[in-house]
Amino acid sequence: MKNKLIFVILVLSSLVLNSSSLYAEIFIKAKVNNEIITNLDIKNEKNYLIALNPKLKNLEKKKLDRYAIDSIINEKIKKIEIEKFFDLSEDKNIINNVLSDLYSNLGITNVNEFENYLNNFGISIDQVKKKISIEISWNEYIVKKYSYAIVIDKNKIKEKIEKMDKKNFVENFLISEIVFTLSDGEKLKDKFKLIKDSIDNIGFEETAKIYSLSESKSNGGNVGWVYKSQLTKKISDQIEKVDIGQHTNPISAPGGFIVLKLIDKKNEKLKIDKKEQFKNAVNYEKNRQLTRYSTLQYKRIFNKAVINEF
């Protein structure tokens, strides 16, 4: 009996020592308001980023750490703000649709295969769903907060469609975007260097997923095909200066800046469905304005947040 007691004590002592050792390895790396970011959070975020963006595994540790920290800060700022007003979205249909886009981009055909893939990186499918939920909820938050402020000149849109209808061909651009803002005291050249270095290292689409504030970030910044007439002159002028596969320098926009990549372009022979074109143009303008308000709101919250890195 005595020997058994000694054995139990030794086992418990070992467990306590191992537990202490485990906790000793976890330490705080940053704080966003009252929420902490540990070295374990950063490790998990790096694994998540690499799982979705395999090119990142070849990146030097310092840069990858920076991407992971920025990604966590971005997520925490949004989550803290959202939860002041409502619970995170649990819309399974939307979450599953975004999930499907994520694993399809990796060449994975179903969610079970994706779950097994994530397990190799120490990530659960529920962790990914929570991240998606935060982005969906942020978009819902922006819509609820700013829908009243959206102003769409439908007559102007109709006039543009009528002009397009009189042309034989119209210029059409396939573009991706990175929408970003500057924190107080941050310089544009420094922020753009950070983004450009990331583009050079891991590509435009992967950089959009990390740094863009637009709703399109989950799709690598892809906006789709856009008629030249839908763009402002300032933006269309910049797009026309770059070759296919290249990106613009930062273009100033209300509340922030936008970098655009020209994926492809074509002159399209017009056979316009005016009703469909009107609907698409209205949706595009609505999303453009919501992206602007999202950028402005994030900047306001970011500048008020207490962020400390250790």
Protein backbone atom coordinates (compact mmCIF):
# COMPACT_ATOMS: atom_id res chain seq x y z
CA MET A 1 0.00 0.00 0.00
CA LYS A 2 2.85 2.32 0.91
CA ASN A 3 4.61 1.60 -2.40
CA LYS A 4 1.40 2.31 -4.34
CA LEU A 5 1.01 5.63 -2.49
CA ILE A 6 4.59 6.61 -3.31
CA PHE A 7 3.97 5.71 -6.98
CA VAL A 8 0.80 7.87 -7.11
CA ILE A 9 2.64 10.79 -5.52
CA LEU A 10 5.49 10.45 -8.04
CA VAL A 11 3.02 10.38 -10.96
CA LEU A 12 1.15 13.43 -9.66
CA SER A 13 4.43 15.26 -9.06
CA SER A 14 5.47 14.48 -12.62
CA LEU A 15 2.18 15.79 -13.98
CA VAL A 16 2.49 19.00 -11.97
CA LEU A 17 6.06 19.53 -13.16
CA ASN A 18 5.11 18.88 -16.78
CA SER A 19 2.11 21.18 -16.46
CA SER A 20 4.28 23.95 -14.98
CA SER A 21 6.75 23.47 -17.80
CA LEU A 22 3.94 23.72 -20.36
CA TYR A 23 2.52 26.92 -18.90
CA ALA A 24 6.00 28.40 -18.59
CA GLU A 25 6.25 28.23 -22.37
CA ILE A 26 3.18 30.41 -22.86
CA PHE A 27 3.73 34.15 -22.55
CA ILE A 28 2.00 37.35 -23.62
CA LYS A 29 3.26 38.91 -26.85
CA ALA A 30 0.64 41.65 -27.30
CA LYS A 31 -2.61 43.11 -25.95
CA VAL A 32 -5.55 44.62 -27.81
CA ASN A 33 -7.52 46.58 -25.23
CA ASN A 34 -7.97 43.93 -22.52
CA GLU A 35 -7.53 40.90 -24.79
CA ILE A 36 -4.16 39.19 -24.77
CA ILE A 37 -2.23 37.63 -27.65
CA THR A 38 0.17 34.87 -26.60
CA ASN A 39 3.05 33.22 -28.40
CA LEU A 40 0.77 30.20 -28.76
CA ASP A 41 -1.87 32.36 -30.51
CA ILE A 42 0.80 33.57 -32.92
CA LYS A 43 1.99 30.02 -33.58
CA ASN A 44 -1.57 28.87 -34.29
CA GLU A 45 -2.20 31.87 -36.55
CA LYS A 46 0.97 31.12 -38.51
CA ASN A 47 -0.16 27.53 -38.97
CA TYR A 48 -3.56 28.79 -40.15
CA LEU A 49 -2.02 31.26 -42.60
CA ILE A 50 0.35 28.63 -43.98
CA ALA A 51 -2.48 26.10 -44.31
CA LEU A 52 -4.46 28.51 -46.49
CA ASN A 53 -1.41 30.09 -48.14
CA PRO A 54 1.26 27.37 -48.56
CA LYS A 55 3.71 29.88 -50.09
CA LEU A 56 4.09 31.43 -46.64
CA LYS A 57 6.08 28.47 -45.30
CA ASN A 58 9.12 29.71 -47.25
CA LEU A 59 8.92 33.16 -45.70
CA GLU A 60 11.48 34.27 -43.14
CA LYS A 61 10.29 33.89 -39.54
CA LYS A 62 10.31 37.61 -38.71
CA LYS A 63 7.99 38.51 -41.59
CA LEU A 64 5.68 35.56 -40.94
CA ASP A 65 5.45 36.56 -37.27
CA ARG A 66 4.53 40.09 -38.36
CA TYR A 67 1.79 38.84 -40.69
CA ALA A 68 0.38 36.62 -37.95
CA ILE A 69 0.35 39.40 -35.32
CA ASP A 70 -1.29 41.86 -37.74
CA SER A 71 -3.89 39.25 -38.67
CA ILE A 72 -4.77 38.55 -35.02
CA ILE A 73 -4.95 42.26 -34.16
CA ASN A 74 -7.25 42.89 -37.13
CA GLU A 75 -9.51 40.03 -36.07
CA LYS A 76 -9.63 41.02 -32.39
CA ILE A 77 -10.44 44.66 -33.16
CA LYS A 78 -13.39 43.58 -35.30
CA LYS A 79 -14.58 40.96 -32.82
CA ILE A 80 -14.46 43.34 -29.83
CA GLU A 81 -16.47 45.95 -31.73
CA ILE A 82 -19.05 43.48 -33.09
CA GLU A 83 -19.76 41.94 -29.69
CA LYS A 84 -20.72 45.34 -28.30
CA PHE A 85 -23.86 45.12 -30.44
CA PHE A 86 -24.70 41.50 -31.26
CA ASP A 87 -23.46 37.92 -31.19
CA LEU A 88 -21.25 36.56 -33.94
CA SER A 89 -23.06 35.19 -36.98
CA GLU A 90 -24.05 31.54 -36.94
CA ASP A 91 -25.49 31.49 -40.45
CA LYS A 92 -24.39 28.01 -41.50
CA ASN A 93 -25.21 28.51 -45.17
CA ILE A 94 -22.97 31.57 -45.57
CA ILE A 95 -20.21 30.08 -43.41
CA ASN A 96 -20.24 26.84 -45.40
CA ASN A 97 -20.18 28.75 -48.70
CA VAL A 98 -17.10 30.68 -47.63
CA LEU A 99 -15.57 27.46 -46.30
CA SER A 100 -16.17 25.83 -49.68
CA ASP A 101 -14.37 28.70 -51.43
CA LEU A 102 -11.41 28.31 -49.09
CA TYR A 103 -10.85 24.62 -49.67
CA SER A 104 -11.65 24.84 -53.40
CA ASN A 105 -8.81 27.35 -53.76
CA LEU A 106 -6.51 24.66 -52.32
CA GLY A 107 -7.72 22.03 -54.76
CA ILE A 108 -9.65 20.20 -52.04
CA THR A 109 -13.01 18.78 -53.05
CA ASN A 110 -14.97 18.34 -49.82
CA VAL A 111 -15.16 19.49 -46.21
CA ASN A 112 -14.03 16.16 -44.73
CA GLU A 113 -10.87 16.23 -46.80
CA PHE A 114 -10.36 19.86 -45.75
CA GLU A 115 -10.78 18.94 -42.08
CA ASN A 116 -8.10 16.25 -42.41
CA TYR A 117 -5.85 18.74 -44.18
CA LEU A 118 -6.27 21.29 -41.38
CA ASN A 119 -5.51 18.65 -38.73
CA ASN A 120 -2.02 18.33 -40.21
CA PHE A 121 -1.47 21.95 -39.13
CA GLY A 122 -3.02 21.52 -35.69
CA ILE A 123 -6.12 23.49 -36.70
CA SER A 124 -9.74 22.49 -36.23
CA ILE A 125 -12.53 23.19 -38.68
CA ASP A 126 -14.36 25.06 -35.89
CA GLN A 127 -11.46 27.50 -35.56
CA VAL A 128 -11.73 28.33 -39.25
CA LYS A 129 -15.52 28.68 -39.02
CA LYS A 130 -15.10 31.15 -36.16
CA LYS A 131 -12.75 33.26 -38.25
CA ILE A 132 -15.25 33.23 -41.10
CA SER A 133 -18.01 34.14 -38.66
CA ILE A 134 -16.09 37.23 -37.53
CA GLU A 135 -15.70 38.47 -41.11
CA ILE A 136 -19.36 37.80 -41.92
CA SER A 137 -20.44 39.57 -38.72
CA TRP A 138 -18.21 42.55 -39.49
CA ASN A 139 -19.88 42.92 -42.90
CA GLU A 140 -23.32 42.69 -41.25
CA TYR A 141 -22.24 45.30 -38.70
CA ILE A 142 -21.14 47.70 -41.46
CA VAL A 143 -24.39 47.17 -43.40
CA LYS A 144 -26.52 47.84 -40.30
CA LYS A 145 -24.48 50.89 -39.34
CA TYR A 146 -24.16 52.57 -42.73
CA SER A 147 -26.99 51.40 -45.01
CA TYR A 148 -28.77 54.71 -44.35
CA ALA A 149 -25.79 56.63 -45.73
CA ILE A 150 -25.59 54.86 -49.09
CA VAL A 151 -26.53 57.20 -51.91
CA ILE A 152 -26.89 55.77 -55.42
CA ASP A 153 -27.64 58.01 -58.39
CA LYS A 154 -29.77 55.59 -60.39
CA ASN A 155 -30.37 58.11 -63.16
CA LYS A 156 -26.62 58.46 -63.66
CA ILE A 157 -26.27 54.69 -63.86
CA LYS A 158 -29.04 54.51 -66.46
CA GLU A 159 -27.34 57.22 -68.52
CA LYS A 160 -24.08 55.24 -68.52
CA ILE A 161 -25.88 52.09 -69.61
CA GLU A 162 -27.56 53.98 -72.45
CA LYS A 163 -24.16 55.26 -73.61
CA MET A 164 -22.72 51.74 -73.44
CA ASP A 165 -25.64 50.44 -75.47
CA LYS A 166 -24.72 52.79 -78.33
CA LYS A 167 -21.16 51.46 -78.51
CA ASN A 168 -20.06 48.38 -80.40
CA PHE A 169 -17.38 47.48 -77.86
CA VAL A 170 -16.62 48.40 -74.25
CA GLU A 171 -13.47 47.97 -72.14
CA ASN A 172 -13.78 45.39 -69.40
CA PHE A 173 -11.24 44.80 -66.60
CA LEU A 174 -10.78 41.76 -64.35
CA ILE A 175 -9.32 43.18 -61.15
CA SER A 176 -8.37 42.35 -57.58
CA GLU A 177 -8.05 44.86 -54.76
CA ILE A 178 -6.28 45.53 -51.49
CA VAL A 179 -8.04 48.21 -49.46
CA PHE A 180 -6.11 49.58 -46.50
CA THR A 181 -5.89 52.52 -44.15
CA LEU A 182 -3.19 54.24 -42.12
CA SER A 183 -3.07 54.37 -38.35
CA ASP A 184 -2.22 57.66 -36.62
CA GLY A 185 1.35 58.66 -37.41
CA GLU A 186 1.83 55.88 -39.98
CA LYS A 187 3.31 56.93 -43.32
CA LEU A 188 1.91 55.78 -46.65
CA LYS A 189 5.34 54.83 -48.03
CA ASP A 190 6.00 52.59 -45.00
CA LYS A 191 2.62 50.84 -45.18
CA PHE A 192 2.87 50.37 -48.93
CA LYS A 193 6.40 48.97 -48.59
CA LEU A 194 5.04 46.39 -46.13
CA ILE A 195 2.24 45.46 -48.55
CA LYS A 196 4.51 45.47 -51.62
CA ASP A 197 7.08 43.25 -49.88
CA SER A 198 4.28 40.85 -49.05
CA ILE A 199 3.04 40.87 -52.67
CA ASP A 200 6.58 40.16 -53.89
CA ASN A 201 6.95 37.29 -51.41
CA ILE A 202 3.57 35.55 -51.44
CA GLY A 203 1.55 37.15 -54.22
CA PHE A 204 -1.23 39.70 -54.45
CA GLU A 205 -4.11 37.37 -53.58
CA GLU A 206 -2.49 36.02 -50.41
CA THR A 207 -1.53 39.55 -49.33
CA ALA A 208 -5.15 40.68 -49.79
CA LYS A 209 -6.28 37.95 -47.40
CA ILE A 210 -3.97 39.35 -44.72
CA TYR A 211 -4.05 43.13 -45.19
CA SER A 212 -7.16 44.12 -47.13
CA LEU A 213 -10.12 45.61 -45.27
CA SER A 214 -12.51 44.93 -48.14
CA GLU A 215 -15.17 42.22 -48.11
CA SER A 216 -13.34 40.73 -51.11
CA LYS A 217 -10.36 39.75 -48.91
CA SER A 218 -11.75 36.26 -48.29
CA ASN A 219 -11.59 35.70 -52.06
CA GLY A 220 -8.05 37.01 -52.42
CA GLY A 221 -9.32 40.50 -53.22
CA ASN A 222 -10.99 39.36 -56.45
CA VAL A 223 -13.61 41.88 -57.57
CA GLY A 224 -14.46 40.19 -60.86
CA TRP A 225 -15.04 41.75 -64.26
CA VAL A 226 -15.80 45.47 -64.14
CA TYR A 227 -16.74 47.77 -67.00
CA LYS A 228 -14.50 50.82 -67.34
CA SER A 229 -17.60 53.00 -67.11
CA GLN A 230 -18.24 51.66 -63.59
CA LEU A 231 -14.90 52.98 -62.35
CA THR A 232 -13.98 56.54 -61.43
CA LYS A 233 -11.68 58.27 -63.89
CA LYS A 234 -8.86 58.29 -61.33
CA ILE A 235 -9.05 54.52 -60.91
CA SER A 236 -9.52 53.67 -64.59
CA ASP A 237 -6.56 55.91 -65.51
CA GLN A 238 -4.32 54.00 -63.07
CA ILE A 239 -5.57 50.59 -64.23
CA GLU A 240 -4.80 51.48 -67.87
CA LYS A 241 -1.20 52.32 -66.95
CA VAL A 242 -0.34 48.80 -65.76
CA ASP A 243 0.19 45.59 -67.72
CA ILE A 244 -1.79 42.42 -67.12
CA GLY A 245 -0.50 40.71 -63.98
CA GLN A 246 0.83 43.97 -62.49
CA HIS A 247 -0.60 46.18 -59.76
CA THR A 248 -1.02 49.92 -59.30
CA ASN A 249 0.55 52.13 -56.69
CA PRO A 250 -1.79 53.16 -53.87
CA ILE A 251 -4.77 55.18 -55.07
CA SER A 252 -6.34 57.51 -52.55
CA ALA A 253 -9.98 56.74 -51.74
CA PRO A 254 -12.36 58.10 -49.10
CA GLY A 255 -11.05 56.91 -45.75
CA GLY A 256 -8.01 55.09 -47.06
CA PHE A 257 -6.17 53.71 -50.06
CA ILE A 258 -6.61 50.98 -52.65
CA VAL A 259 -4.09 48.94 -54.65
CA LEU A 260 -5.50 47.24 -57.74
CA LYS A 261 -4.15 44.32 -59.73
CA LEU A 262 -5.08 43.94 -63.39
CA ILE A 263 -5.67 40.22 -63.92
CA ASP A 264 -7.04 40.49 -67.46
CA LYS A 265 -8.80 42.88 -69.81
CA LYS A 266 -10.88 42.65 -72.94
CA ASN A 267 -12.96 44.65 -75.36
CA GLU A 268 -16.40 43.13 -75.15
CA LYS A 269 -18.93 43.30 -77.94
CA LEU A 270 -22.02 44.64 -76.33
CA LYS A 271 -25.31 42.87 -76.16
CA ILE A 272 -26.63 44.54 -73.08
CA ASP A 273 -29.42 43.24 -70.91
CA LYS A 274 -30.22 46.65 -69.51
CA LYS A 275 -32.13 45.38 -66.49
CA GLU A 276 -29.36 42.97 -65.52
CA GLN A 277 -26.68 45.58 -66.14
CA PHE A 278 -28.56 48.11 -64.02
CA LYS A 279 -28.91 45.60 -61.18
CA ASN A 280 -25.19 44.74 -61.33
CA ALA A 281 -24.16 48.40 -61.45
CA VAL A 282 -26.32 49.25 -58.41
CA ASN A 283 -24.86 46.32 -56.44
CA TYR A 284 -21.33 47.30 -57.43
CA GLU A 285 -21.88 50.90 -56.28
CA LYS A 286 -23.50 49.74 -53.04
CA ASN A 287 -20.56 47.43 -52.27
CA ARG A 288 -18.07 50.15 -53.20
CA GLN A 289 -19.62 52.55 -50.70
CA LEU A 290 -19.88 49.88 -47.99
CA THR A 291 -16.18 49.10 -48.47
CA ARG A 292 -15.41 52.78 -48.01
CA TYR A 293 -17.44 52.91 -44.78
CA SER A 294 -15.84 49.67 -43.59
CA THR A 295 -12.40 51.20 -44.08
CA LEU A 296 -13.37 54.40 -42.27
CA GLN A 297 -14.97 52.56 -39.37
CA TYR A 298 -12.06 50.17 -38.93
CA LYS A 299 -9.64 53.12 -38.90
CA ARG A 300 -11.67 54.88 -36.20
CA ILE A 301 -11.77 51.78 -34.01
CA PHE A 302 -8.11 50.94 -34.62
CA ASN A 303 -6.98 54.43 -33.64
CA LYS A 304 -9.01 54.26 -30.40
CA ALA A 305 -7.80 50.77 -29.50
CA VAL A 306 -5.03 50.32 -26.94
CA ILE A 307 -2.51 48.05 -28.66
CA ASN A 308 0.70 47.03 -26.93
CA GLU A 309 3.32 44.61 -28.21
CA PHE A 310 5.94 43.10 -25.93
